[in-house]
């Protein structure tokens, strides 16, 4: 009888410990299309492709985005009231870490200026455009979002959102 009680007590203890162990297990949940391990001289990393969520954590000194797919936003803001002007303007690379190139497909690019603003609307650069391709230096700026407006005849013709990385 005593042996039967010990066996029941042992079984009950094992079930209780197993239940506690299962309740504290955690796992990632994502549907991945691919993945693997990459190894180099600096170390190794496991990666997955196809994760569609991310978490942003930040404070006053910096921020980090956790997740595989990070968002990059590309915006071209145009002003509708100048639809009679036929201009083709492009800006590249965006995002950038050093500078962007503004390209204007127009025979007279010297009729235009550009202004670079920070996200708070502070004017950082105001420069006359003299060539079809103009380099806009951004090396000394902090990482963040900026707006580049192209103006002609004192009117904004096109506005670009630029993302500056480290």
C-alpha atoms as a PDB file:
ATOM      1  CA  UNK A   1       0.000   0.000   0.000  1.00  0.00           C
ATOM      2  CA  UNK A   2       2.863   2.355   0.912  1.00  0.00           C
ATOM      3  CA  UNK A   3       4.614   1.596  -2.381  1.00  0.00           C
ATOM      4  CA  UNK A   4       1.462   2.383  -4.371  1.00  0.00           C
ATOM      5  CA  UNK A   5       1.166   5.761  -2.580  1.00  0.00           C
ATOM      6  CA  UNK A   6       4.808   6.611  -3.403  1.00  0.00           C
ATOM      7  CA  UNK A   7       4.278   5.760  -7.077  1.00  0.00           C
ATOM      8  CA  UNK A   8       1.142   7.936  -7.237  1.00  0.00           C
ATOM      9  CA  UNK A   9       2.991  10.774  -5.494  1.00  0.00           C
ATOM     10  CA  UNK A  10       5.922  10.442  -7.903  1.00  0.00           C
ATOM     11  CA  UNK A  11       3.564  10.445 -10.932  1.00  0.00           C
ATOM     12  CA  UNK A  12       1.707  13.479  -9.608  1.00  0.00           C
ATOM     13  CA  UNK A  13       4.983  15.342  -9.008  1.00  0.00           C
ATOM     14  CA  UNK A  14       6.213  14.497 -12.526  1.00  0.00           C
ATOM     15  CA  UNK A  15       2.950  15.690 -14.096  1.00  0.00           C
ATOM     16  CA  UNK A  16       3.056  18.894 -12.049  1.00  0.00           C
ATOM     17  CA  UNK A  17       6.661  19.651 -13.048  1.00  0.00           C
ATOM     18  CA  UNK A  18       5.934  18.873 -16.713  1.00  0.00           C
ATOM     19  CA  UNK A  19       2.904  21.178 -16.634  1.00  0.00           C
ATOM     20  CA  UNK A  20       4.954  23.992 -15.128  1.00  0.00           C
ATOM     21  CA  UNK A  21       7.707  23.484 -17.700  1.00  0.00           C
ATOM     22  CA  UNK A  22       5.319  23.545 -20.667  1.00  0.00           C
ATOM     23  CA  UNK A  23       3.598  26.699 -19.425  1.00  0.00           C
ATOM     24  CA  UNK A  24       6.901  28.624 -19.469  1.00  0.00           C
ATOM     25  CA  UNK A  25       7.985  27.664 -23.017  1.00  0.00           C
ATOM     26  CA  UNK A  26       8.131  30.470 -25.560  1.00  0.00           C
ATOM     27  CA  UNK A  27       8.735  30.361 -29.294  1.00  0.00           C
ATOM     28  CA  UNK A  28       8.857  32.739 -32.239  1.00  0.00           C
ATOM     29  CA  UNK A  29       5.823  32.792 -34.432  1.00  0.00           C
ATOM     30  CA  UNK A  30       6.343  33.705 -38.065  1.00  0.00           C
ATOM     31  CA  UNK A  31       5.782  32.283 -41.496  1.00  0.00           C
ATOM     32  CA  UNK A  32       9.165  32.271 -43.181  1.00  0.00           C
ATOM     33  CA  UNK A  33       9.780  31.632 -46.861  1.00  0.00           C
ATOM     34  CA  UNK A  34      13.478  30.959 -46.460  1.00  0.00           C
ATOM     35  CA  UNK A  35      16.330  31.152 -43.969  1.00  0.00           C
ATOM     36  CA  UNK A  36      19.692  29.838 -42.979  1.00  0.00           C
ATOM     37  CA  UNK A  37      22.952  30.470 -41.191  1.00  0.00           C
ATOM     38  CA  UNK A  38      25.727  32.769 -42.370  1.00  0.00           C
ATOM     39  CA  UNK A  39      29.270  32.545 -41.026  1.00  0.00           C
ATOM     40  CA  UNK A  40      32.178  34.896 -41.564  1.00  0.00           C
ATOM     41  CA  UNK A  41      35.378  36.081 -39.910  1.00  0.00           C
ATOM     42  CA  UNK A  42      33.382  38.381 -37.597  1.00  0.00           C
ATOM     43  CA  UNK A  43      31.027  35.670 -36.330  1.00  0.00           C
ATOM     44  CA  UNK A  44      27.851  33.943 -37.372  1.00  0.00           C
ATOM     45  CA  UNK A  45      24.188  34.815 -37.631  1.00  0.00           C
ATOM     46  CA  UNK A  46      20.934  32.972 -38.254  1.00  0.00           C
ATOM     47  CA  UNK A  47      18.457  34.676 -40.546  1.00  0.00           C
ATOM     48  CA  UNK A  48      14.990  34.209 -41.940  1.00  0.00           C
ATOM     49  CA  UNK A  49      13.219  35.753 -44.916  1.00  0.00           C
ATOM     50  CA  UNK A  50       9.534  36.423 -44.877  1.00  0.00           C
ATOM     51  CA  UNK A  51       8.876  37.753 -41.395  1.00  0.00           C
ATOM     52  CA  UNK A  52       6.386  40.579 -41.761  1.00  0.00           C
ATOM     53  CA  UNK A  53       6.487  42.185 -38.329  1.00  0.00           C
ATOM     54  CA  UNK A  54       9.003  44.273 -36.470  1.00  0.00           C
ATOM     55  CA  UNK A  55       9.293  45.975 -33.109  1.00  0.00           C
ATOM     56  CA  UNK A  56      10.705  49.457 -32.616  1.00  0.00           C
ATOM     57  CA  UNK A  57      12.385  50.246 -29.299  1.00  0.00           C
ATOM     58  CA  UNK A  58      13.856  53.646 -28.572  1.00  0.00           C
ATOM     59  CA  UNK A  59      14.799  56.237 -26.012  1.00  0.00           C
ATOM     60  CA  UNK A  60      16.530  59.627 -25.951  1.00  0.00           C
ATOM     61  CA  UNK A  61      19.938  58.185 -26.907  1.00  0.00           C
ATOM     62  CA  UNK A  62      18.927  55.989 -29.845  1.00  0.00           C
ATOM     63  CA  UNK A  63      16.598  53.407 -31.286  1.00  0.00           C
ATOM     64  CA  UNK A  64      16.625  49.893 -32.704  1.00  0.00           C
ATOM     65  CA  UNK A  65      14.203  47.993 -34.901  1.00  0.00           C
ATOM     66  CA  UNK A  66      13.930  44.278 -34.223  1.00  0.00           C
ATOM     67  CA  UNK A  67      12.768  42.046 -37.039  1.00  0.00           C
ATOM     68  CA  UNK A  68      13.839  40.895 -40.426  1.00  0.00           C
ATOM     69  CA  UNK A  69      12.059  43.225 -42.809  1.00  0.00           C
ATOM     70  CA  UNK A  70      12.673  46.849 -41.961  1.00  0.00           C
ATOM     71  CA  UNK A  71      10.499  49.572 -43.428  1.00  0.00           C
ATOM     72  CA  UNK A  72      11.948  52.058 -45.880  1.00  0.00           C
ATOM     73  CA  UNK A  73       9.624  54.779 -47.028  1.00  0.00           C
ATOM     74  CA  UNK A  74       9.876  56.325 -50.470  1.00  0.00           C
ATOM     75  CA  UNK A  75       7.782  59.405 -51.044  1.00  0.00           C
ATOM     76  CA  UNK A  76       7.566  61.823 -53.921  1.00  0.00           C
ATOM     77  CA  UNK A  77       5.358  64.723 -52.968  1.00  0.00           C
ATOM     78  CA  UNK A  78       4.135  66.723 -55.926  1.00  0.00           C
ATOM     79  CA  UNK A  79       2.307  70.018 -56.055  1.00  0.00           C
ATOM     80  CA  UNK A  80      -0.854  69.691 -58.179  1.00  0.00           C
ATOM     81  CA  UNK A  81      -1.238  73.386 -59.063  1.00  0.00           C
ATOM     82  CA  UNK A  82       1.787  73.230 -61.413  1.00  0.00           C
ATOM     83  CA  UNK A  83       0.460  70.566 -63.755  1.00  0.00           C
ATOM     84  CA  UNK A  84       1.210  72.762 -66.798  1.00  0.00           C
ATOM     85  CA  UNK A  85       4.964  72.376 -66.200  1.00  0.00           C
ATOM     86  CA  UNK A  86       6.453  69.292 -67.837  1.00  0.00           C
ATOM     87  CA  UNK A  87       9.467  68.344 -65.727  1.00  0.00           C
ATOM     88  CA  UNK A  88      10.959  65.001 -64.908  1.00  0.00           C
ATOM     89  CA  UNK A  89      12.905  65.020 -61.641  1.00  0.00           C
ATOM     90  CA  UNK A  90      14.460  62.068 -59.881  1.00  0.00           C
ATOM     91  CA  UNK A  91      16.535  61.731 -56.762  1.00  0.00           C
ATOM     92  CA  UNK A  92      18.824  58.824 -55.894  1.00  0.00           C
ATOM     93  CA  UNK A  93      19.984  56.939 -53.852  1.00  0.00           C
ATOM     94  CA  UNK A  94      17.212  57.069 -51.282  1.00  0.00           C
ATOM     95  CA  UNK A  95      17.853  56.139 -48.488  1.00  0.00           C
ATOM     96  CA  UNK A  96      21.372  57.535 -48.417  1.00  0.00           C
ATOM     97  CA  UNK A  97      24.276  57.767 -46.015  1.00  0.00           C
ATOM     98  CA  UNK A  98      26.343  60.459 -47.780  1.00  0.00           C
ATOM     99  CA  UNK A  99      24.617  62.456 -50.528  1.00  0.00           C
ATOM    100  CA  UNK A 100      21.768  62.323 -53.012  1.00  0.00           C
ATOM    101  CA  UNK A 101      21.791  63.269 -56.669  1.00  0.00           C
ATOM    102  CA  UNK A 102      18.987  65.444 -58.002  1.00  0.00           C
ATOM    103  CA  UNK A 103      18.450  64.943 -61.729  1.00  0.00           C
ATOM    104  CA  UNK A 104      16.292  67.355 -63.723  1.00  0.00           C
ATOM    105  CA  UNK A 105      15.472  66.456 -67.333  1.00  0.00           C
ATOM    106  CA  UNK A 106      15.043  69.990 -68.625  1.00  0.00           C
ATOM    107  CA  UNK A 107      17.209  72.016 -71.014  1.00  0.00           C
ATOM    108  CA  UNK A 108      17.393  74.955 -68.548  1.00  0.00           C
ATOM    109  CA  UNK A 109      18.011  73.563 -65.051  1.00  0.00           C
ATOM    110  CA  UNK A 110      19.568  76.889 -63.992  1.00  0.00           C
ATOM    111  CA  UNK A 111      16.033  78.325 -63.643  1.00  0.00           C
ATOM    112  CA  UNK A 112      15.526  76.266 -60.497  1.00  0.00           C
ATOM    113  CA  UNK A 113      16.708  76.146 -56.885  1.00  0.00           C
ATOM    114  CA  UNK A 114      16.492  73.500 -54.210  1.00  0.00           C
ATOM    115  CA  UNK A 115      15.948  73.801 -50.489  1.00  0.00           C
ATOM    116  CA  UNK A 116      16.742  71.060 -47.974  1.00  0.00           C
ATOM    117  CA  UNK A 117      14.657  71.041 -44.790  1.00  0.00           C
ATOM    118  CA  UNK A 118      14.819  68.873 -41.690  1.00  0.00           C
ATOM    119  CA  UNK A 119      11.722  67.113 -40.328  1.00  0.00           C
ATOM    120  CA  UNK A 120      10.907  70.175 -38.173  1.00  0.00           C
ATOM    121  CA  UNK A 121      10.845  72.508 -41.189  1.00  0.00           C
ATOM    122  CA  UNK A 122      14.210  74.181 -40.503  1.00  0.00           C
ATOM    123  CA  UNK A 123      15.943  75.289 -43.719  1.00  0.00           C
ATOM    124  CA  UNK A 124      19.353  73.591 -43.940  1.00  0.00           C
ATOM    125  CA  UNK A 125      20.448  74.359 -47.515  1.00  0.00           C
ATOM    126  CA  UNK A 126      19.232  76.754 -50.199  1.00  0.00           C
ATOM    127  CA  UNK A 127      21.143  76.450 -53.464  1.00  0.00           C
ATOM    128  CA  UNK A 128      20.735  77.386 -57.124  1.00  0.00           C
ATOM    129  CA  UNK A 129      20.757  74.457 -59.548  1.00  0.00           C
ATOM    130  CA  UNK A 130      23.313  74.878 -62.334  1.00  0.00           C
ATOM    131  CA  UNK A 131      23.555  71.418 -63.925  1.00  0.00           C
ATOM    132  CA  UNK A 132      21.103  68.696 -64.926  1.00  0.00           C
ATOM    133  CA  UNK A 133      22.597  66.555 -62.143  1.00  0.00           C
ATOM    134  CA  UNK A 134      23.214  68.210 -58.788  1.00  0.00           C
ATOM    135  CA  UNK A 135      24.761  66.522 -55.763  1.00  0.00           C
ATOM    136  CA  UNK A 136      23.158  67.387 -52.425  1.00  0.00           C
ATOM    137  CA  UNK A 137      25.661  66.651 -49.621  1.00  0.00           C
ATOM    138  CA  UNK A 138      24.211  65.077 -46.475  1.00  0.00           C
ATOM    139  CA  UNK A 139      27.319  63.594 -44.811  1.00  0.00           C
ATOM    140  CA  UNK A 140      27.236  65.999 -41.862  1.00  0.00           C
ATOM    141  CA  UNK A 141      23.542  65.496 -41.120  1.00  0.00           C
ATOM    142  CA  UNK A 142      22.188  63.115 -38.512  1.00  0.00           C
ATOM    143  CA  UNK A 143      20.153  60.075 -39.461  1.00  0.00           C
ATOM    144  CA  UNK A 144      16.506  60.886 -40.055  1.00  0.00           C
ATOM    145  CA  UNK A 145      13.995  62.206 -42.574  1.00  0.00           C
ATOM    146  CA  UNK A 146      14.521  65.321 -44.684  1.00  0.00           C
ATOM    147  CA  UNK A 147      12.565  67.148 -47.384  1.00  0.00           C
ATOM    148  CA  UNK A 148      14.090  68.448 -50.597  1.00  0.00           C
ATOM    149  CA  UNK A 149      11.974  71.041 -52.431  1.00  0.00           C
ATOM    150  CA  UNK A 150      12.683  72.050 -56.017  1.00  0.00           C
ATOM    151  CA  UNK A 151      11.408  75.543 -56.837  1.00  0.00           C
ATOM    152  CA  UNK A 152      11.115  77.661 -59.948  1.00  0.00           C
ATOM    153  CA  UNK A 153       9.624  81.160 -60.311  1.00  0.00           C
ATOM    154  CA  UNK A 154       9.188  81.303 -56.502  1.00  0.00           C
ATOM    155  CA  UNK A 155       6.892  78.238 -56.523  1.00  0.00           C
ATOM    156  CA  UNK A 156       7.603  74.740 -55.251  1.00  0.00           C
ATOM    157  CA  UNK A 157       7.521  72.401 -58.246  1.00  0.00           C
ATOM    158  CA  UNK A 158       8.334  69.124 -56.529  1.00  0.00           C
ATOM    159  CA  UNK A 159       9.086  67.884 -53.038  1.00  0.00           C
ATOM    160  CA  UNK A 160      11.028  64.729 -52.146  1.00  0.00           C
ATOM    161  CA  UNK A 161      11.250  62.933 -48.814  1.00  0.00           C
ATOM    162  CA  UNK A 162      14.809  61.687 -48.225  1.00  0.00           C
ATOM    163  CA  UNK A 163      15.837  59.181 -45.563  1.00  0.00           C
ATOM    164  CA  UNK A 164      19.370  59.678 -44.209  1.00  0.00           C
ATOM    165  CA  UNK A 165      20.980  56.603 -42.627  1.00  0.00           C
ATOM    166  CA  UNK A 166      24.138  56.384 -40.529  1.00  0.00           C
END
